[in-house]
Amino acid sequence: MYICVCKAVTDKQVKSAIADGHCSRRQLHQCLGVGSVCGKCSQHIKQLLDENRMETCMMPMMA
């Protein structure tokens, strides 16, 4: 599903970027360009970060 229509970014691309270590909206913006045009995707980006960040970005801190 497209998350950012302006930049043609899908939820799979966002999840992949999070899994690769992009753990903030700023990092996702720099990596994929999401949230840089109209901003309508920002809430969904936050939701994907909240859902997926715990699984990937917090792992090294727990080890």
PDB file of N, CA and C in Angstrom:
ATOM      1  N   MET A   1       0.842  -1.167   0.000  1.00  0.00           N
ATOM      2  CA  MET A   1       0.000   0.000   0.000  1.00  0.00           C
ATOM      3  C   MET A   1       0.895   1.241   0.000  1.00  0.00           C
ATOM      4  N   TYR A   2       0.487   2.236  -0.781  1.00  0.00           N
ATOM      5  CA  TYR A   2       1.253   3.478  -0.801  1.00  0.00           C
ATOM      6  C   TYR A   2       1.016   4.262   0.482  1.00  0.00           C
ATOM      7  N   ILE A   3       2.108   4.669   1.090  1.00  0.00           N
ATOM      8  CA  ILE A   3       2.068   5.485   2.295  1.00  0.00           C
ATOM      9  C   ILE A   3       2.223   6.952   1.910  1.00  0.00           C
ATOM     10  N   CYS A   4       3.195   7.222   1.070  1.00  0.00           N
ATOM     11  CA  CYS A   4       3.460   8.580   0.589  1.00  0.00           C
ATOM     12  C   CYS A   4       3.202   8.600  -0.913  1.00  0.00           C
ATOM     13  N   VAL A   5       2.058   9.151  -1.288  1.00  0.00           N
ATOM     14  CA  VAL A   5       1.690   9.207  -2.703  1.00  0.00           C
ATOM     15  C   VAL A   5       2.601  10.186  -3.441  1.00  0.00           C
ATOM     16  N   CYS A   6       2.968  11.265  -2.796  1.00  0.00           N
ATOM     17  CA  CYS A   6       3.809  12.286  -3.430  1.00  0.00           C
ATOM     18  C   CYS A   6       5.149  11.717  -3.899  1.00  0.00           C
ATOM     19  N   LYS A   7       5.726  10.826  -3.107  1.00  0.00           N
ATOM     20  CA  LYS A   7       7.032  10.241  -3.419  1.00  0.00           C
ATOM     21  C   LYS A   7       6.929   8.778  -3.839  1.00  0.00           C
ATOM     22  N   ALA A   8       5.699   8.253  -3.959  1.00  0.00           N
ATOM     23  CA  ALA A   8       5.446   6.867  -4.379  1.00  0.00           C
ATOM     24  C   ALA A   8       6.202   5.864  -3.497  1.00  0.00           C
ATOM     25  N   VAL A   9       6.040   6.024  -2.185  1.00  0.00           N
ATOM     26  CA  VAL A   9       6.700   5.154  -1.211  1.00  0.00           C
ATOM     27  C   VAL A   9       5.647   4.240  -0.582  1.00  0.00           C
ATOM     28  N   THR A  10       5.951   2.948  -0.543  1.00  0.00           N
ATOM     29  CA  THR A  10       5.018   1.967   0.013  1.00  0.00           C
ATOM     30  C   THR A  10       5.341   1.642   1.461  1.00  0.00           C
ATOM     31  N   ASP A  11       4.383   0.975   2.113  1.00  0.00           N
ATOM     32  CA  ASP A  11       4.615   0.560   3.494  1.00  0.00           C
ATOM     33  C   ASP A  11       5.756  -0.440   3.574  1.00  0.00           C
ATOM     34  N   LYS A  12       5.933  -1.267   2.563  1.00  0.00           N
ATOM     35  CA  LYS A  12       7.040  -2.237   2.558  1.00  0.00           C
ATOM     36  C   LYS A  12       8.381  -1.523   2.508  1.00  0.00           C
ATOM     37  N   GLN A  13       8.458  -0.449   1.750  1.00  0.00           N
ATOM     38  CA  GLN A  13       9.701   0.315   1.677  1.00  0.00           C
ATOM     39  C   GLN A  13      10.005   0.979   3.025  1.00  0.00           C
ATOM     40  N   VAL A  14       8.972   1.499   3.673  1.00  0.00           N
ATOM     41  CA  VAL A  14       9.161   2.134   4.977  1.00  0.00           C
ATOM     42  C   VAL A  14       9.603   1.095   5.998  1.00  0.00           C
ATOM     43  N   LYS A  15       8.943  -0.056   6.028  1.00  0.00           N
ATOM     44  CA  LYS A  15       9.310  -1.118   6.971  1.00  0.00           C
ATOM     45  C   LYS A  15      10.726  -1.604   6.718  1.00  0.00           C
ATOM     46  N   SER A  16      11.112  -1.711   5.468  1.00  0.00           N
ATOM     47  CA  SER A  16      12.470  -2.134   5.122  1.00  0.00           C
ATOM     48  C   SER A  16      13.494  -1.106   5.604  1.00  0.00           C
ATOM     49  N   ALA A  17      13.187   0.163   5.430  1.00  0.00           N
ATOM     50  CA  ALA A  17      14.095   1.218   5.889  1.00  0.00           C
ATOM     51  C   ALA A  17      14.227   1.200   7.409  1.00  0.00           C
ATOM     52  N   ILE A  18      13.125   0.955   8.107  1.00  0.00           N
ATOM     53  CA  ILE A  18      13.169   0.858   9.567  1.00  0.00           C
ATOM     54  C   ILE A  18      14.028  -0.335   9.971  1.00  0.00           C
ATOM     55  N   ALA A  19      13.857  -1.452   9.288  1.00  0.00           N
ATOM     56  CA  ALA A  19      14.652  -2.649   9.576  1.00  0.00           C
ATOM     57  C   ALA A  19      16.134  -2.404   9.306  1.00  0.00           C
ATOM     58  N   ASP A  20      16.440  -1.493   8.376  1.00  0.00           N
ATOM     59  CA  ASP A  20      17.826  -1.156   8.059  1.00  0.00           C
ATOM     60  C   ASP A  20      18.418  -0.127   9.025  1.00  0.00           C
ATOM     61  N   GLY A  21      17.606   0.301  10.007  1.00  0.00           N
ATOM     62  CA  GLY A  21      18.143   1.194  11.024  1.00  0.00           C
ATOM     63  C   GLY A  21      17.687   2.633  10.962  1.00  0.00           C
ATOM     64  N   HIS A  22      16.801   2.975  10.046  1.00  0.00           N
ATOM     65  CA  HIS A  22      16.266   4.337   9.984  1.00  0.00           C
ATOM     66  C   HIS A  22      15.124   4.417  10.983  1.00  0.00           C
ATOM     67  N   CYS A  23      15.411   4.912  12.178  1.00  0.00           N
ATOM     68  CA  CYS A  23      14.491   4.789  13.318  1.00  0.00           C
ATOM     69  C   CYS A  23      13.826   6.095  13.730  1.00  0.00           C
ATOM     70  N   SER A  24      13.786   7.074  12.848  1.00  0.00           N
ATOM     71  CA  SER A  24      13.090   8.323  13.163  1.00  0.00           C
ATOM     72  C   SER A  24      12.463   8.863  11.885  1.00  0.00           C
ATOM     73  N   ARG A  25      11.512   9.770  12.058  1.00  0.00           N
ATOM     74  CA  ARG A  25      10.882  10.380  10.877  1.00  0.00           C
ATOM     75  C   ARG A  25      11.915  11.156  10.067  1.00  0.00           C
ATOM     76  N   ARG A  26      12.843  11.791  10.761  1.00  0.00           N
ATOM     77  CA  ARG A  26      13.887  12.546  10.057  1.00  0.00           C
ATOM     78  C   ARG A  26      14.737  11.614   9.185  1.00  0.00           C
ATOM     79  N   GLN A  27      15.121  10.473   9.737  1.00  0.00           N
ATOM     80  CA  GLN A  27      15.921   9.519   8.968  1.00  0.00           C
ATOM     81  C   GLN A  27      15.132   8.955   7.793  1.00  0.00           C
ATOM     82  N   LEU A  28      13.848   8.674   8.000  1.00  0.00           N
ATOM     83  CA  LEU A  28      13.018   8.174   6.902  1.00  0.00           C
ATOM     84  C   LEU A  28      12.834   9.246   5.836  1.00  0.00           C
ATOM     85  N   HIS A  29      12.724  10.489   6.263  1.00  0.00           N
ATOM     86  CA  HIS A  29      12.624  11.600   5.313  1.00  0.00           C
ATOM     87  C   HIS A  29      13.891  11.691   4.466  1.00  0.00           C
ATOM     88  N   GLN A  30      15.042  11.584   5.110  1.00  0.00           N
ATOM     89  CA  GLN A  30      16.307  11.660   4.390  1.00  0.00           C
ATOM     90  C   GLN A  30      16.504  10.468   3.466  1.00  0.00           C
ATOM     91  N   CYS A  31      16.061   9.302   3.888  1.00  0.00           N
ATOM     92  CA  CYS A  31      16.247   8.068   3.125  1.00  0.00           C
ATOM     93  C   CYS A  31      15.249   7.946   1.972  1.00  0.00           C
ATOM     94  N   LEU A  32      13.972   8.198   2.261  1.00  0.00           N
ATOM     95  CA  LEU A  32      12.917   7.939   1.282  1.00  0.00           C
ATOM     96  C   LEU A  32      12.211   9.191   0.769  1.00  0.00           C
ATOM     97  N   GLY A  33      12.401  10.301   1.440  1.00  0.00           N
ATOM     98  CA  GLY A  33      11.737  11.535   1.029  1.00  0.00           C
ATOM     99  C   GLY A  33      10.321  11.683   1.565  1.00  0.00           C
ATOM    100  N   VAL A  34       9.879  10.750   2.418  1.00  0.00           N
ATOM    101  CA  VAL A  34       8.512  10.801   2.929  1.00  0.00           C
ATOM    102  C   VAL A  34       8.287  12.031   3.799  1.00  0.00           C
ATOM    103  N   GLY A  35       7.093  12.596   3.701  1.00  0.00           N
ATOM    104  CA  GLY A  35       6.735  13.750   4.513  1.00  0.00           C
ATOM    105  C   GLY A  35       7.303  15.067   4.034  1.00  0.00           C
ATOM    106  N   SER A  36       7.888  15.084   2.847  1.00  0.00           N
ATOM    107  CA  SER A  36       8.562  16.299   2.397  1.00  0.00           C
ATOM    108  C   SER A  36       7.721  17.170   1.473  1.00  0.00           C
ATOM    109  N   VAL A  37       6.557  16.670   1.022  1.00  0.00           N
ATOM    110  CA  VAL A  37       5.764  17.458   0.079  1.00  0.00           C
ATOM    111  C   VAL A  37       4.487  17.961   0.763  1.00  0.00           C
ATOM    112  N   CYS A  38       3.482  17.122   0.902  1.00  0.00           N
ATOM    113  CA  CYS A  38       2.215  17.596   1.463  1.00  0.00           C
ATOM    114  C   CYS A  38       2.060  17.264   2.944  1.00  0.00           C
ATOM    115  N   GLY A  39       2.769  16.258   3.438  1.00  0.00           N
ATOM    116  CA  GLY A  39       2.721  15.910   4.851  1.00  0.00           C
ATOM    117  C   GLY A  39       1.578  15.003   5.267  1.00  0.00           C
ATOM    118  N   LYS A  40       0.718  14.622   4.332  1.00  0.00           N
ATOM    119  CA  LYS A  40      -0.419  13.769   4.691  1.00  0.00           C
ATOM    120  C   LYS A  40       0.013  12.387   5.177  1.00  0.00           C
ATOM    121  N   CYS A  41       1.208  11.957   4.833  1.00  0.00           N
ATOM    122  CA  CYS A  41       1.688  10.632   5.227  1.00  0.00           C
ATOM    123  C   CYS A  41       2.318  10.622   6.625  1.00  0.00           C
ATOM    124  N   SER A  42       2.538  11.765   7.208  1.00  0.00           N
ATOM    125  CA  SER A  42       3.280  11.852   8.468  1.00  0.00           C
ATOM    126  C   SER A  42       2.683  11.009   9.586  1.00  0.00           C
ATOM    127  N   GLN A  43       1.370  11.020   9.719  1.00  0.00           N
ATOM    128  CA  GLN A  43       0.742  10.245  10.786  1.00  0.00           C
ATOM    129  C   GLN A  43       0.938   8.747  10.564  1.00  0.00           C
ATOM    130  N   HIS A  44       0.822   8.316   9.312  1.00  0.00           N
ATOM    131  CA  HIS A  44       1.004   6.891   9.013  1.00  0.00           C
ATOM    132  C   HIS A  44       2.468   6.486   9.193  1.00  0.00           C
ATOM    133  N   ILE A  45       3.385   7.366   8.854  1.00  0.00           N
ATOM    134  CA  ILE A  45       4.814   7.102   9.069  1.00  0.00           C
ATOM    135  C   ILE A  45       5.076   6.928  10.562  1.00  0.00           C
ATOM    136  N   LYS A  46       4.493   7.800  11.384  1.00  0.00           N
ATOM    137  CA  LYS A  46       4.649   7.685  12.835  1.00  0.00           C
ATOM    138  C   LYS A  46       4.104   6.353  13.328  1.00  0.00           C
ATOM    139  N   GLN A  47       2.962   5.957  12.814  1.00  0.00           N
ATOM    140  CA  GLN A  47       2.362   4.683  13.216  1.00  0.00           C
ATOM    141  C   GLN A  47       3.263   3.511  12.848  1.00  0.00           C
ATOM    142  N   LEU A  48       3.801   3.510  11.634  1.00  0.00           N
ATOM    143  CA  LEU A  48       4.706   2.436  11.219  1.00  0.00           C
ATOM    144  C   LEU A  48       5.965   2.421  12.072  1.00  0.00           C
ATOM    145  N   LEU A  49       6.479   3.586  12.409  1.00  0.00           N
ATOM    146  CA  LEU A  49       7.650   3.653  13.289  1.00  0.00           C
ATOM    147  C   LEU A  49       7.329   3.072  14.654  1.00  0.00           C
ATOM    148  N   ASP A  50       6.189   3.472  15.209  1.00  0.00           N
ATOM    149  CA  ASP A  50       5.800   2.974  16.530  1.00  0.00           C
ATOM    150  C   ASP A  50       5.641   1.461  16.527  1.00  0.00           C
ATOM    151  N   GLU A  51       5.062   0.915  15.475  1.00  0.00           N
ATOM    152  CA  GLU A  51       4.818  -0.527  15.392  1.00  0.00           C
ATOM    153  C   GLU A  51       6.092  -1.330  15.156  1.00  0.00           C
ATOM    154  N   ASN A  52       7.023  -0.777  14.388  1.00  0.00           N
ATOM    155  CA  ASN A  52       8.181  -1.548  13.948  1.00  0.00           C
ATOM    156  C   ASN A  52       9.489  -1.188  14.630  1.00  0.00           C
ATOM    157  N   ARG A  53       9.562  -0.022  15.235  1.00  0.00           N
ATOM    158  CA  ARG A  53      10.808   0.430  15.849  1.00  0.00           C
ATOM    159  C   ARG A  53      11.219  -0.466  17.012  1.00  0.00           C
ATOM    160  N   MET A  54      10.269  -0.894  17.809  1.00  0.00           N
ATOM    161  CA  MET A  54      10.588  -1.732  18.977  1.00  0.00           C
ATOM    162  C   MET A  54      11.244  -3.042  18.546  1.00  0.00           C
ATOM    163  N   GLU A  55      10.818  -3.574  17.412  1.00  0.00           N
ATOM    164  CA  GLU A  55      11.340  -4.854  16.948  1.00  0.00           C
ATOM    165  C   GLU A  55      12.756  -4.738  16.398  1.00  0.00           C
ATOM    166  N   THR A  56      13.091  -3.608  15.795  1.00  0.00           N
ATOM    167  CA  THR A  56      14.373  -3.512  15.111  1.00  0.00           C
ATOM    168  C   THR A  56      15.348  -2.539  15.752  1.00  0.00           C
ATOM    169  N   CYS A  57      14.895  -1.342  16.055  1.00  0.00           N
ATOM    170  CA  CYS A  57      15.808  -0.287  16.497  1.00  0.00           C
ATOM    171  C   CYS A  57      16.223  -0.422  17.954  1.00  0.00           C
ATOM    172  N   MET A  58      15.436  -1.076  18.756  1.00  0.00           N
ATOM    173  CA  MET A  58      15.754  -1.201  20.174  1.00  0.00           C
ATOM    174  C   MET A  58      16.550  -2.468  20.484  1.00  0.00           C
ATOM    175  N   MET A  59      16.668  -3.375  19.538  1.00  0.00           N
ATOM    176  CA  MET A  59      17.347  -4.653  19.760  1.00  0.00           C
ATOM    177  C   MET A  59      18.778  -4.489  20.243  1.00  0.00           C
ATOM    178  N   PRO A  60      19.623  -3.662  19.604  1.00  0.00           N
ATOM    179  CA  PRO A  60      21.014  -3.544  20.078  1.00  0.00           C
ATOM    180  C   PRO A  60      21.111  -3.026  21.506  1.00  0.00           C
ATOM    181  N   MET A  61      20.143  -2.209  21.921  1.00  0.00           N
ATOM    182  CA  MET A  61      20.181  -1.663  23.271  1.00  0.00           C
ATOM    183  C   MET A  61      19.900  -2.761  24.308  1.00  0.00           C
ATOM    184  N   MET A  62      19.116  -3.760  23.926  1.00  0.00           N
ATOM    185  CA  MET A  62      18.754  -4.825  24.841  1.00  0.00           C
ATOM    186  C   MET A  62      19.857  -5.872  24.975  1.00  0.00           C
ATOM    187  N   ALA A  63      20.684  -5.989  23.949  1.00  0.00           N
ATOM    188  CA  ALA A  63      21.730  -7.027  23.949  1.00  0.00           C
ATOM    189  C   ALA A  63      22.871  -6.684  24.852  1.00  0.00           C
TER     190      ALA A  63
END
